Protein backbone atom coordinates (compact mmCIF):
# COMPACT_ATOMS: atom_id res chain seq x y z
CA UNK A 1 8.90 4.01 3.74
CA UNK A 2 5.38 3.09 4.92
CA UNK A 3 4.04 2.73 8.43
CA UNK A 4 1.34 0.56 9.96
CA UNK A 5 -1.98 2.35 9.42
CA UNK A 6 -0.92 4.09 6.20
CA UNK A 7 -3.16 3.51 3.20
CA UNK A 8 -1.14 2.71 0.11
CA UNK A 9 -2.12 2.54 -3.54
CA UNK A 10 -0.34 1.30 -6.65
CA UNK A 11 0.99 4.17 -8.75
CA UNK A 12 -0.24 2.58 -12.00
CA UNK A 13 -2.28 -0.60 -12.23
CA UNK A 14 -5.71 -2.01 -12.89
CA UNK A 15 -6.09 -2.41 -9.11
CA UNK A 16 -6.60 1.12 -7.82
CA UNK A 17 -7.95 0.35 -4.35
CA UNK A 18 -6.19 1.92 -1.37
CA UNK A 19 -5.09 -0.74 1.11
CA UNK A 20 -4.09 -0.24 4.73
CA UNK A 21 -0.72 -1.47 5.93
CA UNK A 22 -1.62 -3.90 8.72
CA UNK A 23 1.81 -5.20 9.69
CA UNK A 24 5.46 -4.84 8.73
CA UNK A 25 7.49 -8.01 8.98
CA UNK A 26 11.10 -7.93 10.11
CA UNK A 27 12.14 -11.18 8.44
CA UNK A 28 14.80 -11.21 5.69
CA UNK A 29 13.33 -8.65 3.29
CA UNK A 30 10.68 -6.73 5.15
CA UNK A 31 7.20 -6.97 3.72
CA UNK A 32 4.22 -4.68 4.20
CA UNK A 33 1.18 -6.84 4.97
CA UNK A 34 -2.17 -5.63 3.57
CA UNK A 35 -5.64 -7.23 3.53
CA UNK A 36 -4.92 -8.45 -0.03
CA UNK A 37 -1.53 -10.00 0.69
CA UNK A 38 1.86 -8.42 0.94
CA UNK A 39 4.01 -5.78 -0.71
CA UNK A 40 7.67 -6.75 -0.91
CA UNK A 41 9.98 -4.00 0.28
CA UNK A 42 11.81 -4.24 -3.08
CA UNK A 43 8.53 -3.39 -4.88
CA UNK A 44 7.57 -0.51 -2.59
CA UNK A 45 8.65 2.00 -5.27
CA UNK A 46 5.54 0.94 -7.24
CA UNK A 47 3.30 2.15 -4.41
CA UNK A 48 2.59 5.49 -2.77
CA UNK A 49 0.60 6.74 0.19
CA UNK A 50 -3.03 7.24 -0.80
CA UNK A 51 -4.61 10.64 -0.29
CA UNK A 52 -7.49 11.09 2.15
CA UNK A 53 -9.80 11.67 -0.82
CA UNK A 54 -8.70 8.38 -2.47
CA UNK A 55 -9.35 6.50 0.77
CA UNK A 56 -12.80 8.11 1.03
CA UNK A 57 -13.84 7.23 -2.55
CA UNK A 58 -12.15 3.82 -2.47
CA UNK A 59 -9.91 4.10 -5.53
CA UNK A 60 -6.87 5.92 -6.92
CA UNK A 61 -7.60 9.29 -8.50
CA UNK A 62 -5.51 9.68 -11.64
């Protein structure tokens, strides 16, 4: 779903900062590792790829 280097953002949350995917683990359930922790593969549907504009301004544009 996501690749290393993609910026991802929560679709709806108080935290609207785009975060880069730094690493994808291959253990059990793959996780996407970001600077703020990890995104479980089962929760990836709550995230989307951030637009270039969102990355530039540093937050999700609703």
